[in-house]
């Protein structure tokens, strides 16, 4: 049986998540993945807040970067954005 594009995206995401210690360590969750797209969430902890009491921009960027990585790699081609 041939794997569908959606199944490939899901399998690739599982494999990527298993080795992505930064994404795991920050508690990010992959909510949705498909060919060329992904959606993730992250609970903002107290230690992620800046001096204004809101999420530090670096954590927001990291969430966006991880989400982009799952979307870019969803076709099982190793991809690193520059």
PDB file of N, CA and C in Angstrom:
ATOM      1  N   UNK A   1       0.847  -1.183   0.000  1.00  0.00           N
ATOM      2  CA  UNK A   1       0.000   0.000   0.000  1.00  0.00           C
ATOM      3  C   UNK A   1       0.896   1.251   0.000  1.00  0.00           C
ATOM      4  N   UNK A   2       0.591   2.154  -0.867  1.00  0.00           N
ATOM      5  CA  UNK A   2       1.358   3.386  -0.981  1.00  0.00           C
ATOM      6  C   UNK A   2       0.869   4.403   0.039  1.00  0.00           C
ATOM      7  N   UNK A   3       1.814   5.083   0.655  1.00  0.00           N
ATOM      8  CA  UNK A   3       1.512   6.105   1.644  1.00  0.00           C
ATOM      9  C   UNK A   3       0.958   7.345   0.940  1.00  0.00           C
ATOM     10  N   UNK A   4      -0.119   7.915   1.481  1.00  0.00           N
ATOM     11  CA  UNK A   4      -0.652   9.153   0.912  1.00  0.00           C
ATOM     12  C   UNK A   4       0.241  10.325   1.323  1.00  0.00           C
ATOM     13  N   UNK A   5       0.066  11.458   0.682  1.00  0.00           N
ATOM     14  CA  UNK A   5       0.847  12.652   1.048  1.00  0.00           C
ATOM     15  C   UNK A   5       0.568  13.059   2.485  1.00  0.00           C
ATOM     16  N   UNK A   6      -0.683  12.930   2.924  1.00  0.00           N
ATOM     17  CA  UNK A   6      -1.034  13.266   4.305  1.00  0.00           C
ATOM     18  C   UNK A   6      -0.358  12.304   5.279  1.00  0.00           C
ATOM     19  N   UNK A   7      -0.391  11.015   4.976  1.00  0.00           N
ATOM     20  CA  UNK A   7       0.260  10.027   5.836  1.00  0.00           C
ATOM     21  C   UNK A   7       1.764  10.274   5.912  1.00  0.00           C
ATOM     22  N   UNK A   8       2.353  10.641   4.786  1.00  0.00           N
ATOM     23  CA  UNK A   8       3.784  10.954   4.762  1.00  0.00           C
ATOM     24  C   UNK A   8       4.078  12.158   5.654  1.00  0.00           C
ATOM     25  N   UNK A   9       3.252  13.189   5.565  1.00  0.00           N
ATOM     26  CA  UNK A   9       3.443  14.384   6.395  1.00  0.00           C
ATOM     27  C   UNK A   9       3.327  14.034   7.874  1.00  0.00           C
ATOM     28  N   UNK A  10       2.367  13.220   8.232  1.00  0.00           N
ATOM     29  CA  UNK A  10       2.169  12.833   9.625  1.00  0.00           C
ATOM     30  C   UNK A  10       3.322  11.981  10.140  1.00  0.00           C
ATOM     31  N   UNK A  11       3.783  11.034   9.340  1.00  0.00           N
ATOM     32  CA  UNK A  11       4.906  10.187   9.741  1.00  0.00           C
ATOM     33  C   UNK A  11       6.178  11.012   9.884  1.00  0.00           C
ATOM     34  N   UNK A  12       6.421  11.886   8.926  1.00  0.00           N
ATOM     35  CA  UNK A  12       7.604  12.743   8.981  1.00  0.00           C
ATOM     36  C   UNK A  12       7.569  13.627  10.220  1.00  0.00           C
ATOM     37  N   UNK A  13       6.414  14.169  10.537  1.00  0.00           N
ATOM     38  CA  UNK A  13       6.270  15.022  11.719  1.00  0.00           C
ATOM     39  C   UNK A  13       6.555  14.241  13.004  1.00  0.00           C
ATOM     40  N   UNK A  14       6.043  13.025  13.098  1.00  0.00           N
ATOM     41  CA  UNK A  14       6.310  12.198  14.284  1.00  0.00           C
ATOM     42  C   UNK A  14       7.803  11.956  14.448  1.00  0.00           C
ATOM     43  N   UNK A  15       8.468  11.636  13.335  1.00  0.00           N
ATOM     44  CA  UNK A  15       9.904  11.357  13.384  1.00  0.00           C
ATOM     45  C   UNK A  15      10.697  12.613  13.730  1.00  0.00           C
ATOM     46  N   UNK A  16      10.318  13.752  13.166  1.00  0.00           N
ATOM     47  CA  UNK A  16      11.006  15.009  13.456  1.00  0.00           C
ATOM     48  C   UNK A  16      10.796  15.407  14.911  1.00  0.00           C
ATOM     49  N   UNK A  17       9.565  15.303  15.388  1.00  0.00           N
ATOM     50  CA  UNK A  17       9.269  15.686  16.768  1.00  0.00           C
ATOM     51  C   UNK A  17      10.052  14.833  17.761  1.00  0.00           C
ATOM     52  N   UNK A  18      10.206  13.564  17.462  1.00  0.00           N
ATOM     53  CA  UNK A  18      10.906  12.644  18.364  1.00  0.00           C
ATOM     54  C   UNK A  18      12.351  13.059  18.614  1.00  0.00           C
ATOM     55  N   UNK A  19      12.961  13.768  17.675  1.00  0.00           N
ATOM     56  CA  UNK A  19      14.364  14.166  17.822  1.00  0.00           C
ATOM     57  C   UNK A  19      14.542  15.669  18.047  1.00  0.00           C
ATOM     58  N   UNK A  20      13.454  16.421  18.068  1.00  0.00           N
ATOM     59  CA  UNK A  20      13.517  17.876  18.228  1.00  0.00           C
ATOM     60  C   UNK A  20      13.398  18.235  19.709  1.00  0.00           C
ATOM     61  N   UNK A  21      14.514  18.200  20.408  1.00  0.00           N
ATOM     62  CA  UNK A  21      14.519  18.425  21.847  1.00  0.00           C
ATOM     63  C   UNK A  21      14.150  19.853  22.216  1.00  0.00           C
ATOM     64  N   UNK A  22      14.467  20.826  21.378  1.00  0.00           N
ATOM     65  CA  UNK A  22      14.105  22.222  21.659  1.00  0.00           C
ATOM     66  C   UNK A  22      12.590  22.380  21.648  1.00  0.00           C
ATOM     67  N   UNK A  23      11.943  21.857  20.635  1.00  0.00           N
ATOM     68  CA  UNK A  23      10.493  21.935  20.528  1.00  0.00           C
ATOM     69  C   UNK A  23       9.831  21.216  21.700  1.00  0.00           C
ATOM     70  N   UNK A  24      10.319  20.041  22.014  1.00  0.00           N
ATOM     71  CA  UNK A  24       9.770  19.290  23.148  1.00  0.00           C
ATOM     72  C   UNK A  24       9.999  20.030  24.463  1.00  0.00           C
ATOM     73  N   UNK A  25      11.217  20.537  24.653  1.00  0.00           N
ATOM     74  CA  UNK A  25      11.583  21.194  25.899  1.00  0.00           C
ATOM     75  C   UNK A  25      10.764  22.435  26.197  1.00  0.00           C
ATOM     76  N   UNK A  26      10.317  23.102  25.155  1.00  0.00           N
ATOM     77  CA  UNK A  26       9.489  24.294  25.334  1.00  0.00           C
ATOM     78  C   UNK A  26       8.000  23.943  25.420  1.00  0.00           C
ATOM     79  N   UNK A  27       7.692  22.656  25.351  1.00  0.00           N
ATOM     80  CA  UNK A  27       6.303  22.209  25.492  1.00  0.00           C
ATOM     81  C   UNK A  27       5.432  22.463  24.291  1.00  0.00           C
ATOM     82  N   UNK A  28       6.030  22.628  23.126  1.00  0.00           N
ATOM     83  CA  UNK A  28       5.236  22.875  21.920  1.00  0.00           C
ATOM     84  C   UNK A  28       4.491  21.609  21.529  1.00  0.00           C
ATOM     85  N   UNK A  29       3.281  21.803  21.038  1.00  0.00           N
ATOM     86  CA  UNK A  29       2.465  20.693  20.571  1.00  0.00           C
ATOM     87  C   UNK A  29       2.122  20.898  19.103  1.00  0.00           C
ATOM     88  N   UNK A  30       2.265  19.848  18.340  1.00  0.00           N
ATOM     89  CA  UNK A  30       1.885  19.882  16.930  1.00  0.00           C
ATOM     90  C   UNK A  30       0.396  19.592  16.848  1.00  0.00           C
ATOM     91  N   UNK A  31      -0.372  20.569  16.435  1.00  0.00           N
ATOM     92  CA  UNK A  31      -1.827  20.442  16.370  1.00  0.00           C
ATOM     93  C   UNK A  31      -2.301  19.898  15.040  1.00  0.00           C
ATOM     94  N   UNK A  32      -1.581  20.246  13.989  1.00  0.00           N
ATOM     95  CA  UNK A  32      -2.007  19.854  12.636  1.00  0.00           C
ATOM     96  C   UNK A  32      -0.801  19.885  11.722  1.00  0.00           C
ATOM     97  N   UNK A  33      -0.717  18.911  10.833  1.00  0.00           N
ATOM     98  CA  UNK A  33       0.327  18.905   9.817  1.00  0.00           C
ATOM     99  C   UNK A  33      -0.251  18.298   8.546  1.00  0.00           C
ATOM    100  N   UNK A  34       0.208  18.796   7.439  1.00  0.00           N
ATOM    101  CA  UNK A  34      -0.175  18.273   6.129  1.00  0.00           C
ATOM    102  C   UNK A  34       0.892  18.671   5.149  1.00  0.00           C
ATOM    103  N   UNK A  35       0.769  18.260   3.919  1.00  0.00           N
ATOM    104  CA  UNK A  35       1.781  18.614   2.925  1.00  0.00           C
ATOM    105  C   UNK A  35       1.933  20.133   2.804  1.00  0.00           C
ATOM    106  N   UNK A  36       3.054  20.648   3.273  1.00  0.00           N
ATOM    107  CA  UNK A  36       3.355  22.071   3.150  1.00  0.00           C
ATOM    108  C   UNK A  36       2.771  22.963   4.218  1.00  0.00           C
ATOM    109  N   UNK A  37       2.141  22.400   5.238  1.00  0.00           N
ATOM    110  CA  UNK A  37       1.622  23.259   6.302  1.00  0.00           C
ATOM    111  C   UNK A  37       1.677  22.563   7.656  1.00  0.00           C
ATOM    112  N   UNK A  38       1.667  23.376   8.701  1.00  0.00           N
ATOM    113  CA  UNK A  38       1.648  22.874  10.073  1.00  0.00           C
ATOM    114  C   UNK A  38       1.052  23.942  10.974  1.00  0.00           C
ATOM    115  N   UNK A  39       0.521  23.494  12.107  1.00  0.00           N
ATOM    116  CA  UNK A  39      -0.014  24.403  13.119  1.00  0.00           C
ATOM    117  C   UNK A  39       0.416  23.858  14.475  1.00  0.00           C
ATOM    118  N   UNK A  40       0.999  24.737  15.302  1.00  0.00           N
ATOM    119  CA  UNK A  40       1.498  24.324  16.612  1.00  0.00           C
ATOM    120  C   UNK A  40       0.996  25.280  17.683  1.00  0.00           C
ATOM    121  N   UNK A  41       1.107  24.833  18.940  1.00  0.00           N
ATOM    122  CA  UNK A  41       0.780  25.694  20.068  1.00  0.00           C
ATOM    123  C   UNK A  41       1.859  25.534  21.133  1.00  0.00           C
ATOM    124  N   UNK A  42       1.903  26.511  22.039  1.00  0.00           N
ATOM    125  CA  UNK A  42       2.843  26.471  23.144  1.00  0.00           C
ATOM    126  C   UNK A  42       2.235  27.253  24.305  1.00  0.00           C
ATOM    127  N   UNK A  43       2.203  26.657  25.461  1.00  0.00           N
ATOM    128  CA  UNK A  43       1.745  27.352  26.654  1.00  0.00           C
ATOM    129  C   UNK A  43       2.878  28.240  27.148  1.00  0.00           C
ATOM    130  N   UNK A  44       2.570  29.501  27.380  1.00  0.00           N
ATOM    131  CA  UNK A  44       3.575  30.443  27.868  1.00  0.00           C
ATOM    132  C   UNK A  44       3.679  30.273  29.384  1.00  0.00           C
ATOM    133  N   UNK A  45       4.861  29.874  29.822  1.00  0.00           N
ATOM    134  CA  UNK A  45       5.131  29.706  31.248  1.00  0.00           C
ATOM    135  C   UNK A  45       5.625  31.028  31.837  1.00  0.00           C
ATOM    136  N   UNK A  46       5.611  31.118  33.159  1.00  0.00           N
ATOM    137  CA  UNK A  46       6.060  32.333  33.840  1.00  0.00           C
ATOM    138  C   UNK A  46       7.494  32.690  33.474  1.00  0.00           C
ATOM    139  N   UNK A  47       8.342  31.675  33.293  1.00  0.00           N
ATOM    140  CA  UNK A  47       9.743  31.945  32.971  1.00  0.00           C
ATOM    141  C   UNK A  47       9.966  32.347  31.518  1.00  0.00           C
ATOM    142  N   UNK A  48       8.896  32.475  30.756  1.00  0.00           N
ATOM    143  CA  UNK A  48       8.977  32.929  29.371  1.00  0.00           C
ATOM    144  C   UNK A  48       8.554  34.394  29.238  1.00  0.00           C
ATOM    145  N   UNK A  49       8.162  35.005  30.344  1.00  0.00           N
ATOM    146  CA  UNK A  49       7.667  36.383  30.313  1.00  0.00           C
ATOM    147  C   UNK A  49       8.826  37.374  30.346  1.00  0.00           C
ATOM    148  N   UNK A  50       8.625  38.472  29.635  1.00  0.00           N
ATOM    149  CA  UNK A  50       9.624  39.544  29.648  1.00  0.00           C
ATOM    150  C   UNK A  50       9.305  40.527  30.778  1.00  0.00           C
ATOM    151  N   UNK A  51       9.996  41.643  30.808  1.00  0.00           N
ATOM    152  CA  UNK A  51       9.814  42.637  31.852  1.00  0.00           C
ATOM    153  C   UNK A  51       8.447  43.292  31.869  1.00  0.00           C
ATOM    154  N   UNK A  52       7.688  43.139  30.798  1.00  0.00           N
ATOM    155  CA  UNK A  52       6.334  43.689  30.729  1.00  0.00           C
ATOM    156  C   UNK A  52       5.281  42.663  31.126  1.00  0.00           C
ATOM    157  N   UNK A  53       5.744  41.450  31.459  1.00  0.00           N
ATOM    158  CA  UNK A  53       4.816  40.405  31.867  1.00  0.00           C
ATOM    159  C   UNK A  53       4.137  39.689  30.722  1.00  0.00           C
ATOM    160  N   UNK A  54       4.663  39.857  29.508  1.00  0.00           N
ATOM    161  CA  UNK A  54       4.110  39.154  28.343  1.00  0.00           C
ATOM    162  C   UNK A  54       5.183  38.240  27.762  1.00  0.00           C
ATOM    163  N   UNK A  55       4.781  37.364  26.886  1.00  0.00           N
ATOM    164  CA  UNK A  55       5.723  36.408  26.307  1.00  0.00           C
ATOM    165  C   UNK A  55       6.855  37.134  25.582  1.00  0.00           C
ATOM    166  N   UNK A  56       8.059  36.747  25.901  1.00  0.00           N
ATOM    167  CA  UNK A  56       9.247  37.300  25.248  1.00  0.00           C
ATOM    168  C   UNK A  56       9.197  36.960  23.758  1.00  0.00           C
ATOM    169  N   UNK A  57       9.532  37.921  22.931  1.00  0.00           N
ATOM    170  CA  UNK A  57       9.483  37.730  21.481  1.00  0.00           C
ATOM    171  C   UNK A  57      10.333  36.585  20.981  1.00  0.00           C
ATOM    172  N   UNK A  58      11.432  36.289  21.666  1.00  0.00           N
ATOM    173  CA  UNK A  58      12.286  35.176  21.252  1.00  0.00           C
ATOM    174  C   UNK A  58      11.559  33.843  21.313  1.00  0.00           C
ATOM    175  N   UNK A  59      10.679  33.669  22.304  1.00  0.00           N
ATOM    176  CA  UNK A  59       9.903  32.425  22.397  1.00  0.00           C
ATOM    177  C   UNK A  59       8.851  32.365  21.299  1.00  0.00           C
ATOM    178  N   UNK A  60       8.249  33.512  20.990  1.00  0.00           N
ATOM    179  CA  UNK A  60       7.268  33.553  19.900  1.00  0.00           C
ATOM    180  C   UNK A  60       7.948  33.211  18.578  1.00  0.00           C
ATOM    181  N   UNK A  61       9.132  33.767  18.365  1.00  0.00           N
ATOM    182  CA  UNK A  61       9.870  33.459  17.136  1.00  0.00           C
ATOM    183  C   UNK A  61      10.230  31.982  17.096  1.00  0.00           C
ATOM    184  N   UNK A  62      10.615  31.414  18.231  1.00  0.00           N
ATOM    185  CA  UNK A  62      10.970  29.995  18.269  1.00  0.00           C
ATOM    186  C   UNK A  62       9.767  29.129  17.920  1.00  0.00           C
ATOM    187  N   UNK A  63       8.602  29.493  18.409  1.00  0.00           N
ATOM    188  CA  UNK A  63       7.382  28.763  18.052  1.00  0.00           C
ATOM    189  C   UNK A  63       7.137  28.847  16.547  1.00  0.00           C
ATOM    190  N   UNK A  64       7.280  30.037  15.991  1.00  0.00           N
ATOM    191  CA  UNK A  64       7.102  30.211  14.548  1.00  0.00           C
ATOM    192  C   UNK A  64       8.151  29.413  13.770  1.00  0.00           C
ATOM    193  N   UNK A  65       9.386  29.416  14.239  1.00  0.00           N
ATOM    194  CA  UNK A  65      10.454  28.696  13.565  1.00  0.00           C
ATOM    195  C   UNK A  65      10.208  27.191  13.585  1.00  0.00           C
ATOM    196  N   UNK A  66       9.777  26.668  14.715  1.00  0.00           N
ATOM    197  CA  UNK A  66       9.485  25.230  14.797  1.00  0.00           C
ATOM    198  C   UNK A  66       8.317  24.866  13.889  1.00  0.00           C
ATOM    199  N   UNK A  67       7.285  25.691  13.893  1.00  0.00           N
ATOM    200  CA  UNK A  67       6.129  25.426  13.032  1.00  0.00           C
ATOM    201  C   UNK A  67       6.548  25.426  11.566  1.00  0.00           C
ATOM    202  N   UNK A  68       7.367  26.406  11.190  1.00  0.00           N
ATOM    203  CA  UNK A  68       7.877  26.490   9.819  1.00  0.00           C
ATOM    204  C   UNK A  68       8.682  25.244   9.473  1.00  0.00           C
ATOM    205  N   UNK A  69       9.478  24.756  10.413  1.00  0.00           N
ATOM    206  CA  UNK A  69      10.287  23.553  10.167  1.00  0.00           C
ATOM    207  C   UNK A  69       9.402  22.339   9.896  1.00  0.00           C
ATOM    208  N   UNK A  70       8.331  22.180  10.667  1.00  0.00           N
ATOM    209  CA  UNK A  70       7.442  21.043  10.434  1.00  0.00           C
ATOM    210  C   UNK A  70       6.739  21.163   9.083  1.00  0.00           C
ATOM    211  N   UNK A  71       6.343  22.369   8.709  1.00  0.00           N
ATOM    212  CA  UNK A  71       5.710  22.566   7.408  1.00  0.00           C
ATOM    213  C   UNK A  71       6.690  22.293   6.270  1.00  0.00           C
ATOM    214  N   UNK A  72       7.907  22.817   6.388  1.00  0.00           N
ATOM    215  CA  UNK A  72       8.898  22.664   5.320  1.00  0.00           C
ATOM    216  C   UNK A  72       9.351  21.217   5.132  1.00  0.00           C
ATOM    217  N   UNK A  73       9.372  20.454   6.217  1.00  0.00           N
ATOM    218  CA  UNK A  73       9.842  19.073   6.150  1.00  0.00           C
ATOM    219  C   UNK A  73       8.708  18.073   5.966  1.00  0.00           C
ATOM    220  N   UNK A  74       7.494  18.526   5.787  1.00  0.00           N
ATOM    221  CA  UNK A  74       6.330  17.651   5.732  1.00  0.00           C
ATOM    222  C   UNK A  74       6.292  16.734   4.509  1.00  0.00           C
ATOM    223  N   UNK A  75       7.128  16.990   3.556  1.00  0.00           N
ATOM    224  CA  UNK A  75       7.180  16.125   2.362  1.00  0.00           C
ATOM    225  C   UNK A  75       8.356  15.155   2.429  1.00  0.00           C
ATOM    226  N   UNK A  76       8.934  15.038   3.646  1.00  0.00           N
ATOM    227  CA  UNK A  76      10.035  14.120   3.928  1.00  0.00           C
ATOM    228  C   UNK A  76      11.288  14.420   3.108  1.00  0.00           C
ATOM    229  N   UNK A  77      11.538  15.709   2.887  1.00  0.00           N
ATOM    230  CA  UNK A  77      12.794  16.156   2.301  1.00  0.00           C
ATOM    231  C   UNK A  77      13.461  17.035   3.349  1.00  0.00           C
ATOM    232  N   UNK A  78      14.682  16.674   3.741  1.00  0.00           N
ATOM    233  CA  UNK A  78      15.361  17.430   4.778  1.00  0.00           C
ATOM    234  C   UNK A  78      15.522  18.870   4.307  1.00  0.00           C
ATOM    235  N   UNK A  79      14.953  19.788   5.069  1.00  0.00           N
ATOM    236  CA  UNK A  79      14.924  21.199   4.708  1.00  0.00           C
ATOM    237  C   UNK A  79      15.315  22.046   5.915  1.00  0.00           C
ATOM    238  N   UNK A  80      16.241  22.962   5.720  1.00  0.00           N
ATOM    239  CA  UNK A  80      16.602  23.936   6.738  1.00  0.00           C
ATOM    240  C   UNK A  80      16.505  25.299   6.088  1.00  0.00           C
ATOM    241  N   UNK A  81      15.723  26.184   6.685  1.00  0.00           N
ATOM    242  CA  UNK A  81      15.541  27.514   6.109  1.00  0.00           C
ATOM    243  C   UNK A  81      16.707  28.412   6.473  1.00  0.00           C
ATOM    244  N   UNK A  82      17.064  29.277   5.561  1.00  0.00           N
ATOM    245  CA  UNK A  82      18.138  30.242   5.823  1.00  0.00           C
ATOM    246  C   UNK A  82      17.602  31.644   5.567  1.00  0.00           C
TER     247      UNK A  82
END
